[in-house]
C-alpha atoms as a PDB file:
ATOM      1  CA  MET A   1     -87.425 -29.220 -45.616  1.00  0.00           C
ATOM      2  CA  PRO A   2     -85.518 -28.711 -48.843  1.00  0.00           C
ATOM      3  CA  ARG A   3     -86.354 -30.693 -51.947  1.00  0.00           C
ATOM      4  CA  VAL A   4     -84.075 -33.593 -52.778  1.00  0.00           C
ATOM      5  CA  LYS A   5     -83.700 -34.607 -56.406  1.00  0.00           C
ATOM      6  CA  ARG A   6     -82.729 -38.229 -56.863  1.00  0.00           C
ATOM      7  CA  GLY A   7     -81.879 -38.232 -60.555  1.00  0.00           C
ATOM      8  CA  THR A   8     -78.301 -39.424 -60.115  1.00  0.00           C
ATOM      9  CA  ASN A   9     -79.294 -42.273 -57.792  1.00  0.00           C
ATOM     10  CA  HIS A  10     -82.080 -43.307 -60.160  1.00  0.00           C
ATOM     11  CA  ILE A  11     -79.710 -43.437 -63.137  1.00  0.00           C
ATOM     12  CA  LYS A  12     -77.013 -45.198 -61.112  1.00  0.00           C
ATOM     13  CA  ARG A  13     -79.421 -47.929 -59.964  1.00  0.00           C
ATOM     14  CA  ARG A  14     -80.713 -48.494 -63.505  1.00  0.00           C
ATOM     15  CA  LYS A  15     -77.174 -48.616 -64.920  1.00  0.00           C
ATOM     16  CA  ASN A  16     -76.185 -51.185 -62.282  1.00  0.00           C
ATOM     17  CA  ILE A  17     -79.130 -53.450 -63.140  1.00  0.00           C
ATOM     18  CA  LEU A  18     -78.502 -53.134 -66.880  1.00  0.00           C
ATOM     19  CA  ALA A  19     -74.797 -53.884 -66.329  1.00  0.00           C
ATOM     20  CA  ARG A  20     -75.728 -57.132 -64.556  1.00  0.00           C
ATOM     21  CA  THR A  21     -77.968 -58.188 -67.471  1.00  0.00           C
ATOM     22  CA  LYS A  22     -75.473 -57.263 -70.173  1.00  0.00           C
ATOM     23  CA  GLY A  23     -75.249 -60.022 -72.740  1.00  0.00           C
ATOM     24  CA  MET A  24     -78.752 -61.349 -72.156  1.00  0.00           C
ATOM     25  CA  MET A  25     -81.116 -61.710 -75.086  1.00  0.00           C
ATOM     26  CA  TRP A  26     -84.071 -59.635 -76.244  1.00  0.00           C
ATOM     27  CA  GLY A  27     -85.521 -57.041 -73.875  1.00  0.00           C
ATOM     28  CA  ARG A  28     -83.819 -58.376 -70.766  1.00  0.00           C
ATOM     29  CA  LYS A  29     -80.656 -56.460 -71.576  1.00  0.00           C
ATOM     30  CA  SER A  30     -82.281 -53.108 -72.322  1.00  0.00           C
ATOM     31  CA  LYS A  31     -85.712 -52.805 -70.684  1.00  0.00           C
ATOM     32  CA  ILE A  32     -85.506 -52.089 -66.986  1.00  0.00           C
ATOM     33  CA  THR A  33     -88.629 -54.042 -65.941  1.00  0.00           C
ATOM     34  CA  LEU A  34     -87.461 -57.196 -67.673  1.00  0.00           C
ATOM     35  CA  ALA A  35     -83.866 -56.603 -66.597  1.00  0.00           C
ATOM     36  CA  LYS A  36     -84.842 -56.449 -62.900  1.00  0.00           C
ATOM     37  CA  THR A  37     -86.453 -59.878 -62.871  1.00  0.00           C
ATOM     38  CA  ALA A  38     -83.700 -61.333 -65.056  1.00  0.00           C
ATOM     39  CA  ALA A  39     -80.996 -60.007 -62.704  1.00  0.00           C
ATOM     40  CA  VAL A  40     -82.743 -61.424 -59.630  1.00  0.00           C
ATOM     41  CA  LYS A  41     -83.260 -64.829 -61.242  1.00  0.00           C
ATOM     42  CA  ALA A  42     -79.672 -64.902 -62.485  1.00  0.00           C
ATOM     43  CA  GLY A  43     -78.456 -64.171 -58.965  1.00  0.00           C
ATOM     44  CA  VAL A  44     -80.610 -66.922 -57.468  1.00  0.00           C
ATOM     45  CA  ASN A  45     -79.393 -69.433 -60.062  1.00  0.00           C
ATOM     46  CA  ALA A  46     -75.760 -68.417 -59.550  1.00  0.00           C
ATOM     47  CA  TYR A  47     -76.037 -68.839 -55.773  1.00  0.00           C
ATOM     48  CA  ARG A  48     -77.703 -72.246 -56.064  1.00  0.00           C
ATOM     49  CA  ASP A  49     -75.315 -73.505 -58.725  1.00  0.00           C
ATOM     50  CA  ARG A  50     -72.231 -72.572 -56.720  1.00  0.00           C
ATOM     51  CA  LYS A  51     -73.405 -75.142 -54.184  1.00  0.00           C
ATOM     52  CA  LEU A  52     -74.371 -77.654 -56.896  1.00  0.00           C
ATOM     53  CA  LYS A  53     -70.938 -77.366 -58.509  1.00  0.00           C
ATOM     54  CA  LYS A  54     -69.278 -78.606 -55.330  1.00  0.00           C
ATOM     55  CA  ARG A  55     -71.728 -81.507 -55.130  1.00  0.00           C
ATOM     56  CA  THR A  56     -71.243 -82.626 -58.740  1.00  0.00           C
ATOM     57  CA  ASN A  57     -67.451 -82.272 -58.541  1.00  0.00           C
ATOM     58  CA  ARG A  58     -67.344 -84.482 -55.465  1.00  0.00           C
ATOM     59  CA  GLY A  59     -69.375 -87.130 -57.309  1.00  0.00           C
ATOM     60  CA  LEU A  60     -67.009 -86.925 -60.272  1.00  0.00           C
ATOM     61  CA  GLN A  61     -63.984 -87.272 -58.003  1.00  0.00           C
ATOM     62  CA  GLN A  62     -65.496 -90.332 -56.321  1.00  0.00           C
ATOM     63  CA  THR A  63     -66.167 -91.913 -59.714  1.00  0.00           C
ATOM     64  CA  ARG A  64     -62.570 -91.316 -60.829  1.00  0.00           C
ATOM     65  CA  ILE A  65     -61.152 -92.800 -57.628  1.00  0.00           C
ATOM     66  CA  SER A  66     -63.497 -95.777 -57.931  1.00  0.00           C
ATOM     67  CA  ALA A  67     -62.398 -96.378 -61.525  1.00  0.00           C
ATOM     68  CA  GLY A  68     -58.759 -96.200 -60.451  1.00  0.00           C
ATOM     69  CA  THR A  69     -59.198 -98.630 -57.573  1.00  0.00           C
ATOM     70  CA  THR A  70     -61.229-101.198 -59.539  1.00  0.00           C
ATOM     71  CA  ALA A  71     -58.419-101.301 -62.109  1.00  0.00           C
ATOM     72  CA  PHE A  72     -56.197-102.664 -59.309  1.00  0.00           C
ATOM     73  CA  GLY A  73     -58.832-104.992 -57.872  1.00  0.00           C
ATOM     74  CA  MET A  74     -60.172-103.000 -54.925  1.00  0.00           C
ATOM     75  CA  SER A  75     -63.440-101.237 -54.223  1.00  0.00           C
ATOM     76  CA  TYR A  76     -63.775 -97.529 -53.469  1.00  0.00           C
ATOM     77  CA  SER A  77     -65.100 -98.017 -49.938  1.00  0.00           C
ATOM     78  CA  VAL A  78     -62.348-100.459 -48.955  1.00  0.00           C
ATOM     79  CA  PHE A  79     -59.707 -98.120 -50.388  1.00  0.00           C
ATOM     80  CA  MET A  80     -61.031 -95.081 -48.511  1.00  0.00           C
ATOM     81  CA  GLY A  81     -61.322 -97.144 -45.314  1.00  0.00           C
ATOM     82  CA  ASN A  82     -57.695 -98.260 -45.634  1.00  0.00           C
ATOM     83  CA  LEU A  83     -56.544 -94.679 -46.146  1.00  0.00           C
ATOM     84  CA  LYS A  84     -58.353 -93.628 -42.967  1.00  0.00           C
ATOM     85  CA  LYS A  85     -56.863 -96.550 -40.980  1.00  0.00           C
ATOM     86  CA  ARG A  86     -53.352 -95.691 -42.132  1.00  0.00           C
ATOM     87  CA  LYS A  87     -53.999 -91.960 -41.456  1.00  0.00           C
ATOM     88  CA  ILE A  88     -53.180 -90.940 -45.040  1.00  0.00           C
ATOM     89  CA  GLU A  89     -54.943 -87.589 -45.244  1.00  0.00           C
ATOM     90  CA  LEU A  90     -55.269 -86.935 -48.976  1.00  0.00           C
ATOM     91  CA  ASP A  91     -58.509 -85.337 -50.103  1.00  0.00           C
ATOM     92  CA  ARG A  92     -60.665 -86.722 -52.896  1.00  0.00           C
ATOM     93  CA  LYS A  93     -59.630 -84.000 -55.347  1.00  0.00           C
ATOM     94  CA  ILE A  94     -55.943 -84.944 -55.131  1.00  0.00           C
ATOM     95  CA  LEU A  95     -56.721 -88.670 -55.206  1.00  0.00           C
ATOM     96  CA  SER A  96     -58.867 -88.294 -58.340  1.00  0.00           C
ATOM     97  CA  GLN A  97     -56.154 -86.273 -60.089  1.00  0.00           C
ATOM     98  CA  MET A  98     -53.596 -88.932 -59.189  1.00  0.00           C
ATOM     99  CA  ALA A  99     -55.874 -91.702 -60.471  1.00  0.00           C
ATOM    100  CA  ALA A 100     -56.405 -89.877 -63.769  1.00  0.00           C
ATOM    101  CA  THR A 101     -52.898 -88.529 -64.494  1.00  0.00           C
ATOM    102  CA  TYR A 102     -50.439 -90.617 -62.444  1.00  0.00           C
ATOM    103  CA  PRO A 103     -51.721 -94.205 -62.362  1.00  0.00           C
ATOM    104  CA  ALA A 104     -48.323 -95.589 -61.278  1.00  0.00           C
ATOM    105  CA  VAL A 105     -48.268 -93.438 -58.136  1.00  0.00           C
ATOM    106  CA  PHE A 106     -51.929 -94.215 -57.482  1.00  0.00           C
ATOM    107  CA  GLU A 107     -51.181 -97.929 -57.761  1.00  0.00           C
ATOM    108  CA  LYS A 108     -48.596 -97.618 -54.971  1.00  0.00           C
ATOM    109  CA  LEU A 109     -51.254 -95.985 -52.804  1.00  0.00           C
ATOM    110  CA  VAL A 110     -53.709 -98.785 -53.544  1.00  0.00           C
ATOM    111  CA  LYS A 111     -51.112-101.462 -52.766  1.00  0.00           C
ATOM    112  CA  ALA A 112     -50.179 -99.704 -49.503  1.00  0.00           C
END
């Protein structure tokens, strides 16, 4: 069997890892052993935090809606229950934006 030299693949793999750790501090951006672990950990953190971002944003949206409804004398749970009964299908993101930027429109929703 003929000999296969893997120099190009070796360089390509190293370049890819170093590209992913570009901008990191100390040896993690230049030394391949440190860069490997840094790239893996960064990927794990990024994956986890994409899920966490959705969770924290939903909590923020609920807080904004709650603040908007208490200003007009209603609780969050009662407000959301009334929306479901009346089949008003607005998601929490839109409701929180309305509560923050358009309080007059949000007040009409609360009254209805």
